[in-house]
Amino acid sequence: ENVLFFSNPYVKLKLTLGVNNHVFSDRSELINF
């Protein structure tokens, strides 16, 4: 499995992703995933 995490709290993502693209900018969301 591949996971991409943006750790900076001052980032805002405007991305077009697929179902299997797991991208997070919130630490809790990443940990829960």
All heavy atoms as atom14 arrays in JSON, in Angstrom:
{
  "sequence": "ENVLFFSNPYVKLKLTLGVNNHVFSDRSELINF",
  "atom14_mask": [
    [1, 1, 1, 1, 1, 1, 1, 1, 1, 0, 0, 0, 0, 0],
    [1, 1, 1, 1, 1, 1, 1, 1, 0, 0, 0, 0, 0, 0],
    [1, 1, 1, 1, 1, 1, 1, 0, 0, 0, 0, 0, 0, 0],
    [1, 1, 1, 1, 1, 1, 1, 1, 0, 0, 0, 0, 0, 0],
    [1, 1, 1, 1, 1, 1, 1, 1, 1, 1, 1, 0, 0, 0],
    [1, 1, 1, 1, 1, 1, 1, 1, 1, 1, 1, 0, 0, 0],
    [1, 1, 1, 1, 1, 1, 0, 0, 0, 0, 0, 0, 0, 0],
    [1, 1, 1, 1, 1, 1, 1, 1, 0, 0, 0, 0, 0, 0],
    [1, 1, 1, 1, 1, 1, 1, 0, 0, 0, 0, 0, 0, 0],
    [1, 1, 1, 1, 1, 1, 1, 1, 1, 1, 1, 1, 0, 0],
    [1, 1, 1, 1, 1, 1, 1, 0, 0, 0, 0, 0, 0, 0],
    [1, 1, 1, 1, 1, 1, 1, 1, 1, 0, 0, 0, 0, 0],
    [1, 1, 1, 1, 1, 1, 1, 1, 0, 0, 0, 0, 0, 0],
    [1, 1, 1, 1, 1, 1, 1, 1, 1, 0, 0, 0, 0, 0],
    [1, 1, 1, 1, 1, 1, 1, 1, 0, 0, 0, 0, 0, 0],
    [1, 1, 1, 1, 1, 1, 1, 0, 0, 0, 0, 0, 0, 0],
    [1, 1, 1, 1, 1, 1, 1, 1, 0, 0, 0, 0, 0, 0],
    [1, 1, 1, 1, 0, 0, 0, 0, 0, 0, 0, 0, 0, 0],
    [1, 1, 1, 1, 1, 1, 1, 0, 0, 0, 0, 0, 0, 0],
    [1, 1, 1, 1, 1, 1, 1, 1, 0, 0, 0, 0, 0, 0],
    [1, 1, 1, 1, 1, 1, 1, 1, 0, 0, 0, 0, 0, 0],
    [1, 1, 1, 1, 1, 1, 1, 1, 1, 1, 0, 0, 0, 0],
    [1, 1, 1, 1, 1, 1, 1, 0, 0, 0, 0, 0, 0, 0],
    [1, 1, 1, 1, 1, 1, 1, 1, 1, 1, 1, 0, 0, 0],
    [1, 1, 1, 1, 1, 1, 0, 0, 0, 0, 0, 0, 0, 0],
    [1, 1, 1, 1, 1, 1, 1, 1, 0, 0, 0, 0, 0, 0],
    [1, 1, 1, 1, 1, 1, 1, 1, 1, 1, 1, 0, 0, 0],
    [1, 1, 1, 1, 1, 1, 0, 0, 0, 0, 0, 0, 0, 0],
    [1, 1, 1, 1, 1, 1, 1, 1, 1, 0, 0, 0, 0, 0],
    [1, 1, 1, 1, 1, 1, 1, 1, 0, 0, 0, 0, 0, 0],
    [1, 1, 1, 1, 1, 1, 1, 1, 0, 0, 0, 0, 0, 0],
    [1, 1, 1, 1, 1, 1, 1, 1, 0, 0, 0, 0, 0, 0],
    [1, 1, 1, 1, 1, 1, 1, 1, 1, 1, 1, 0, 0, 0]
  ],
  "atom14_positions": [
    [[0.84, -1.2, 0.0], [0.0, 0.0, 0.0], [0.87, 1.24, 0.0], [1.92, 1.28, 0.65], [-0.89, 0.0, 1.24], [-2.04, 0.98, 1.2], [-3.1, 0.57, 0.19], [-3.92, -0.3, 0.51], [-3.08, 1.14, -0.94], [0.0, 0.0, 0.0], [0.0, 0.0, 0.0], [0.0, 0.0, 0.0], [0.0, 0.0, 0.0], [0.0, 0.0, 0.0]],
    [[0.44, 2.27, -0.73], [1.14, 3.54, -0.78], [0.33, 4.62, -0.09], [-0.89, 4.73, -0.29], [1.37, 3.98, -2.24], [2.51, 3.24, -2.89], [3.26, 2.53, -2.23], [2.67, 3.4, -4.19], [0.0, 0.0, 0.0], [0.0, 0.0, 0.0], [0.0, 0.0, 0.0], [0.0, 0.0, 0.0], [0.0, 0.0, 0.0], [0.0, 0.0, 0.0]],
    [[1.01, 5.44, 0.72], [0.35, 6.54, 1.42], [1.22, 7.78, 1.31], [2.44, 7.73, 1.52], [0.11, 6.21, 2.91], [-0.53, 7.4, 3.62], [-0.77, 4.98, 3.06], [0.0, 0.0, 0.0], [0.0, 0.0, 0.0], [0.0, 0.0, 0.0], [0.0, 0.0, 0.0], [0.0, 0.0, 0.0], [0.0, 0.0, 0.0], [0.0, 0.0, 0.0]],
    [[0.59, 8.92, 0.99], [1.28, 10.2, 0.91], [0.75, 11.11, 2.01], [-0.46, 11.29, 2.14], [1.06, 10.84, -0.47], [1.61, 12.25, -0.69], [3.12, 12.29, -0.5], [1.23, 12.75, -2.08], [0.0, 0.0, 0.0], [0.0, 0.0, 0.0], [0.0, 0.0, 0.0], [0.0, 0.0, 0.0], [0.0, 0.0, 0.0], [0.0, 0.0, 0.0]],
    [[1.67, 11.69, 2.8], [1.27, 12.53, 3.92], [1.95, 13.89, 3.84], [3.17, 13.98, 3.79], [1.62, 11.84, 5.24], [1.35, 12.67, 6.47], [0.12, 13.26, 6.67], [2.34, 12.85, 7.43], [-0.14, 14.02, 7.81], [2.11, 13.61, 8.57], [0.86, 14.19, 8.75], [0.0, 0.0, 0.0], [0.0, 0.0, 0.0], [0.0, 0.0, 0.0]],
    [[1.15, 14.97, 3.83], [1.66, 16.33, 3.88], [1.6, 16.77, 5.35], [0.53, 16.96, 5.91], [0.83, 17.26, 3.0], [1.1, 17.1, 1.53], [0.39, 16.16, 0.79], [2.07, 17.86, 0.89], [0.63, 15.99, -0.57], [2.31, 17.7, -0.46], [1.6, 16.77, -1.2], [0.0, 0.0, 0.0], [0.0, 0.0, 0.0], [0.0, 0.0, 0.0]],
    [[2.78, 16.91, 5.97], [2.85, 17.11, 7.41], [2.72, 18.57, 7.85], [2.45, 18.85, 9.01], [4.17, 16.55, 7.95], [5.28, 17.19, 7.35], [0.0, 0.0, 0.0], [0.0, 0.0, 0.0], [0.0, 0.0, 0.0], [0.0, 0.0, 0.0], [0.0, 0.0, 0.0], [0.0, 0.0, 0.0], [0.0, 0.0, 0.0], [0.0, 0.0, 0.0]],
    [[2.94, 19.51, 6.93], [2.89, 20.93, 7.3], [1.46, 21.36, 7.61], [0.56, 21.16, 6.8], [3.47, 21.78, 6.17], [3.83, 23.18, 6.63], [3.01, 23.9, 7.18], [5.07, 23.56, 6.42], [0.0, 0.0, 0.0], [0.0, 0.0, 0.0], [0.0, 0.0, 0.0], [0.0, 0.0, 0.0], [0.0, 0.0, 0.0], [0.0, 0.0, 0.0]],
    [[1.22, 21.97, 8.78], [-0.15, 22.39, 9.13], [-0.69, 23.51, 8.26], [-1.89, 23.78, 8.26], [-0.02, 22.83, 10.6], [1.42, 23.21, 10.75], [2.19, 22.27, 9.85], [0.0, 0.0, 0.0], [0.0, 0.0, 0.0], [0.0, 0.0, 0.0], [0.0, 0.0, 0.0], [0.0, 0.0, 0.0], [0.0, 0.0, 0.0], [0.0, 0.0, 0.0]],
    [[0.2, 24.17, 7.5], [-0.23, 25.29, 6.66], [-0.31, 24.9, 5.19], [-0.03, 25.69, 4.3], [0.74, 26.47, 6.83], [0.83, 26.95, 8.25], [1.95, 26.64, 9.02], [-0.21, 27.67, 8.84], [2.04, 27.07, 10.34], [-0.13, 28.1, 10.15], [1.0, 27.79, 10.89], [1.07, 28.21, 12.2], [0.0, 0.0, 0.0], [0.0, 0.0, 0.0]],
    [[-0.71, 23.67, 4.93], [-0.88, 23.2, 3.56], [-2.37, 22.99, 3.28], [-3.14, 22.63, 4.16], [-0.1, 21.88, 3.32], [-0.74, 20.72, 4.06], [0.02, 21.57, 1.84], [0.0, 0.0, 0.0], [0.0, 0.0, 0.0], [0.0, 0.0, 0.0], [0.0, 0.0, 0.0], [0.0, 0.0, 0.0], [0.0, 0.0, 0.0], [0.0, 0.0, 0.0]],
    [[-2.74, 23.27, 2.05], [-4.11, 23.03, 1.59], [-4.03, 22.27, 0.28], [-3.38, 22.72, -0.67], [-4.86, 24.35, 1.41], [-6.33, 24.16, 1.03], [-7.06, 25.49, 0.96], [-8.53, 25.28, 0.63], [-9.26, 26.59, 0.55], [0.0, 0.0, 0.0], [0.0, 0.0, 0.0], [0.0, 0.0, 0.0], [0.0, 0.0, 0.0], [0.0, 0.0, 0.0]],
    [[-4.69, 21.12, 0.21], [-4.61, 20.27, -0.96], [-5.82, 20.45, -1.88], [-6.96, 20.41, -1.44], [-4.51, 18.8, -0.54], [-3.38, 18.44, 0.43], [-3.41, 16.96, 0.77], [-2.03, 18.83, -0.15], [0.0, 0.0, 0.0], [0.0, 0.0, 0.0], [0.0, 0.0, 0.0], [0.0, 0.0, 0.0], [0.0, 0.0, 0.0], [0.0, 0.0, 0.0]],
    [[-5.52, 20.67, -3.15], [-6.56, 20.72, -4.19], [-6.13, 19.74, -5.28], [-5.62, 20.14, -6.33], [-6.71, 22.14, -4.73], [-7.27, 23.14, -3.72], [-7.53, 24.5, -4.34], [-8.14, 25.47, -3.34], [-8.42, 26.8, -3.96], [0.0, 0.0, 0.0], [0.0, 0.0, 0.0], [0.0, 0.0, 0.0], [0.0, 0.0, 0.0], [0.0, 0.0, 0.0]],
    [[-6.35, 18.47, -5.0], [-5.84, 17.4, -5.86], [-6.97, 16.57, -6.44], [-8.0, 16.36, -5.79], [-4.9, 16.48, -5.06], [-3.73, 17.15, -4.34], [-3.01, 16.15, -3.46], [-2.77, 17.78, -5.34], [0.0, 0.0, 0.0], [0.0, 0.0, 0.0], [0.0, 0.0, 0.0], [0.0, 0.0, 0.0], [0.0, 0.0, 0.0], [0.0, 0.0, 0.0]],
    [[-6.77, 16.11, -7.66], [-7.7, 15.17, -8.29], [-7.07, 13.78, -8.19], [-6.06, 13.51, -8.83], [-7.94, 15.54, -9.76], [-8.43, 16.88, -9.83], [-8.97, 14.61, -10.38], [0.0, 0.0, 0.0], [0.0, 0.0, 0.0], [0.0, 0.0, 0.0], [0.0, 0.0, 0.0], [0.0, 0.0, 0.0], [0.0, 0.0, 0.0], [0.0, 0.0, 0.0]],
    [[-7.67, 12.93, -7.36], [-7.06, 11.64, -7.05], [-7.97, 10.49, -7.43], [-9.17, 10.66, -7.65], [-6.76, 11.57, -5.54], [-5.86, 12.69, -4.98], [-5.85, 12.63, -3.47], [-4.45, 12.58, -5.56], [0.0, 0.0, 0.0], [0.0, 0.0, 0.0], [0.0, 0.0, 0.0], [0.0, 0.0, 0.0], [0.0, 0.0, 0.0], [0.0, 0.0, 0.0]],
    [[-7.37, 9.3, -7.5], [-8.12, 8.09, -7.76], [-8.49, 7.39, -6.45], [-8.08, 7.8, -5.37], [0.0, 0.0, 0.0], [0.0, 0.0, 0.0], [0.0, 0.0, 0.0], [0.0, 0.0, 0.0], [0.0, 0.0, 0.0], [0.0, 0.0, 0.0], [0.0, 0.0, 0.0], [0.0, 0.0, 0.0], [0.0, 0.0, 0.0], [0.0, 0.0, 0.0]],
    [[-9.24, 6.31, -6.57], [-9.69, 5.58, -5.39], [-8.52, 5.03, -4.59], [-8.55, 5.0, -3.35], [-10.64, 4.43, -5.81], [-11.07, 3.61, -4.6], [-11.87, 4.98, -6.53], [0.0, 0.0, 0.0], [0.0, 0.0, 0.0], [0.0, 0.0, 0.0], [0.0, 0.0, 0.0], [0.0, 0.0, 0.0], [0.0, 0.0, 0.0], [0.0, 0.0, 0.0]],
    [[-7.48, 4.6, -5.27], [-6.34, 3.97, -4.59], [-5.24, 4.96, -4.23], [-4.15, 4.54, -3.8], [-5.76, 2.86, -5.48], [-6.72, 1.7, -5.65], [-7.44, 1.34, -4.72], [-6.76, 1.13, -6.85], [0.0, 0.0, 0.0], [0.0, 0.0, 0.0], [0.0, 0.0, 0.0], [0.0, 0.0, 0.0], [0.0, 0.0, 0.0], [0.0, 0.0, 0.0]],
    [[-5.49, 6.25, -4.42], [-4.51, 7.27, -4.02], [-4.83, 7.74, -2.61], [-5.81, 8.47, -2.4], [-4.52, 8.45, -4.99], [-4.17, 8.07, -6.41], [-4.83, 8.47, -7.36], [-3.13, 7.26, -6.57], [0.0, 0.0, 0.0], [0.0, 0.0, 0.0], [0.0, 0.0, 0.0], [0.0, 0.0, 0.0], [0.0, 0.0, 0.0], [0.0, 0.0, 0.0]],
    [[-4.05, 7.34, -1.66], [-4.29, 7.69, -0.26], [-3.4, 8.87, 0.12], [-2.19, 8.7, 0.35], [-4.02, 6.49, 0.64], [-4.76, 5.25, 0.23], [-6.14, 5.17, 0.21], [-4.32, 4.05, -0.22], [-6.51, 3.97, -0.19], [-5.42, 3.28, -0.47], [0.0, 0.0, 0.0], [0.0, 0.0, 0.0], [0.0, 0.0, 0.0], [0.0, 0.0, 0.0]],
    [[-4.0, 10.05, 0.16], [-3.25, 11.28, 0.44], [-3.9, 11.98, 1.63], [-5.11, 12.19, 1.65], [-3.23, 12.22, -0.78], [-2.41, 13.47, -0.47], [-2.67, 11.5, -2.0], [0.0, 0.0, 0.0], [0.0, 0.0, 0.0], [0.0, 0.0, 0.0], [0.0, 0.0, 0.0], [0.0, 0.0, 0.0], [0.0, 0.0, 0.0], [0.0, 0.0, 0.0]],
    [[-3.08, 12.37, 2.63], [-3.61, 12.99, 3.83], [-2.79, 14.23, 4.18], [-1.6, 14.31, 3.9], [-3.55, 12.01, 5.01], [-4.29, 10.73, 4.78], [-3.61, 9.6, 4.33], [-5.65, 10.65, 5.01], [-4.28, 8.41, 4.1], [-6.34, 9.46, 4.79], [-5.65, 8.34, 4.34], [0.0, 0.0, 0.0], [0.0, 0.0, 0.0], [0.0, 0.0, 0.0]],
    [[-3.45, 15.18, 4.83], [-2.76, 16.35, 5.37], [-3.06, 16.52, 6.85], [-2.6, 17.48, 7.48], [-3.19, 17.63, 4.62], [-4.58, 17.84, 4.72], [0.0, 0.0, 0.0], [0.0, 0.0, 0.0], [0.0, 0.0, 0.0], [0.0, 0.0, 0.0], [0.0, 0.0, 0.0], [0.0, 0.0, 0.0], [0.0, 0.0, 0.0], [0.0, 0.0, 0.0]],
    [[-3.82, 15.58, 7.4], [-4.16, 15.59, 8.82], [-3.57, 14.34, 9.48], [-3.81, 13.22, 9.02], [-5.69, 15.61, 9.01], [-6.08, 15.66, 10.47], [-6.19, 16.77, 11.03], [-6.28, 14.58, 11.06], [0.0, 0.0, 0.0], [0.0, 0.0, 0.0], [0.0, 0.0, 0.0], [0.0, 0.0, 0.0], [0.0, 0.0, 0.0], [0.0, 0.0, 0.0]],
    [[-2.8, 14.55, 10.54], [-2.12, 13.44, 11.18], [-3.1, 12.38, 11.7], [-2.87, 11.18, 11.55], [-1.28, 13.95, 12.34], [-0.37, 12.88, 12.96], [0.1, 13.25, 14.35], [0.69, 14.57, 14.41], [0.98, 15.18, 15.56], [0.73, 14.61, 16.7], [1.53, 16.39, 15.55], [0.0, 0.0, 0.0], [0.0, 0.0, 0.0], [0.0, 0.0, 0.0]],
    [[-4.19, 12.82, 12.31], [-5.16, 11.88, 12.86], [-5.81, 11.03, 11.77], [-6.03, 9.82, 11.96], [-6.24, 12.64, 13.65], [-5.69, 13.31, 14.76], [0.0, 0.0, 0.0], [0.0, 0.0, 0.0], [0.0, 0.0, 0.0], [0.0, 0.0, 0.0], [0.0, 0.0, 0.0], [0.0, 0.0, 0.0], [0.0, 0.0, 0.0], [0.0, 0.0, 0.0]],
    [[-6.1, 11.64, 10.63], [-6.69, 10.89, 9.52], [-5.72, 9.82, 9.02], [-6.13, 8.69, 8.71], [-7.06, 11.84, 8.39], [-8.25, 12.74, 8.7], [-8.6, 13.63, 7.53], [-7.89, 13.56, 6.5], [-9.58, 14.38, 7.64], [0.0, 0.0, 0.0], [0.0, 0.0, 0.0], [0.0, 0.0, 0.0], [0.0, 0.0, 0.0], [0.0, 0.0, 0.0]],
    [[-4.45, 10.16, 8.94], [-3.45, 9.2, 8.5], [-3.36, 8.03, 9.49], [-3.36, 6.86, 9.09], [-2.09, 9.88, 8.38], [-0.87, 8.96, 8.18], [-0.97, 8.21, 6.87], [0.42, 9.76, 8.25], [0.0, 0.0, 0.0], [0.0, 0.0, 0.0], [0.0, 0.0, 0.0], [0.0, 0.0, 0.0], [0.0, 0.0, 0.0], [0.0, 0.0, 0.0]],
    [[-3.28, 8.35, 10.77], [-3.17, 7.31, 11.8], [-4.4, 6.41, 11.8], [-4.28, 5.17, 11.88], [-2.96, 7.96, 13.19], [-1.6, 8.65, 13.23], [-3.07, 6.92, 14.31], [-1.38, 9.54, 14.43], [0.0, 0.0, 0.0], [0.0, 0.0, 0.0], [0.0, 0.0, 0.0], [0.0, 0.0, 0.0], [0.0, 0.0, 0.0], [0.0, 0.0, 0.0]],
    [[-5.58, 7.0, 11.68], [-6.82, 6.2, 11.64], [-6.85, 5.29, 10.42], [-7.3, 4.14, 10.49], [-8.04, 7.11, 11.66], [-8.22, 7.82, 13.0], [-7.74, 7.35, 14.02], [-8.9, 8.95, 12.99], [0.0, 0.0, 0.0], [0.0, 0.0, 0.0], [0.0, 0.0, 0.0], [0.0, 0.0, 0.0], [0.0, 0.0, 0.0], [0.0, 0.0, 0.0]],
    [[-6.38, 5.81, 9.29], [-6.36, 4.99, 8.07], [-5.48, 3.76, 8.25], [-5.88, 2.65, 7.9], [-5.85, 5.83, 6.89], [-5.59, 5.02, 5.65], [-6.64, 4.64, 4.82], [-4.3, 4.62, 5.31], [-6.41, 3.87, 3.68], [-4.05, 3.87, 4.18], [-5.12, 3.49, 3.36], [0.0, 0.0, 0.0], [0.0, 0.0, 0.0], [0.0, 0.0, 0.0]]
  ]
}
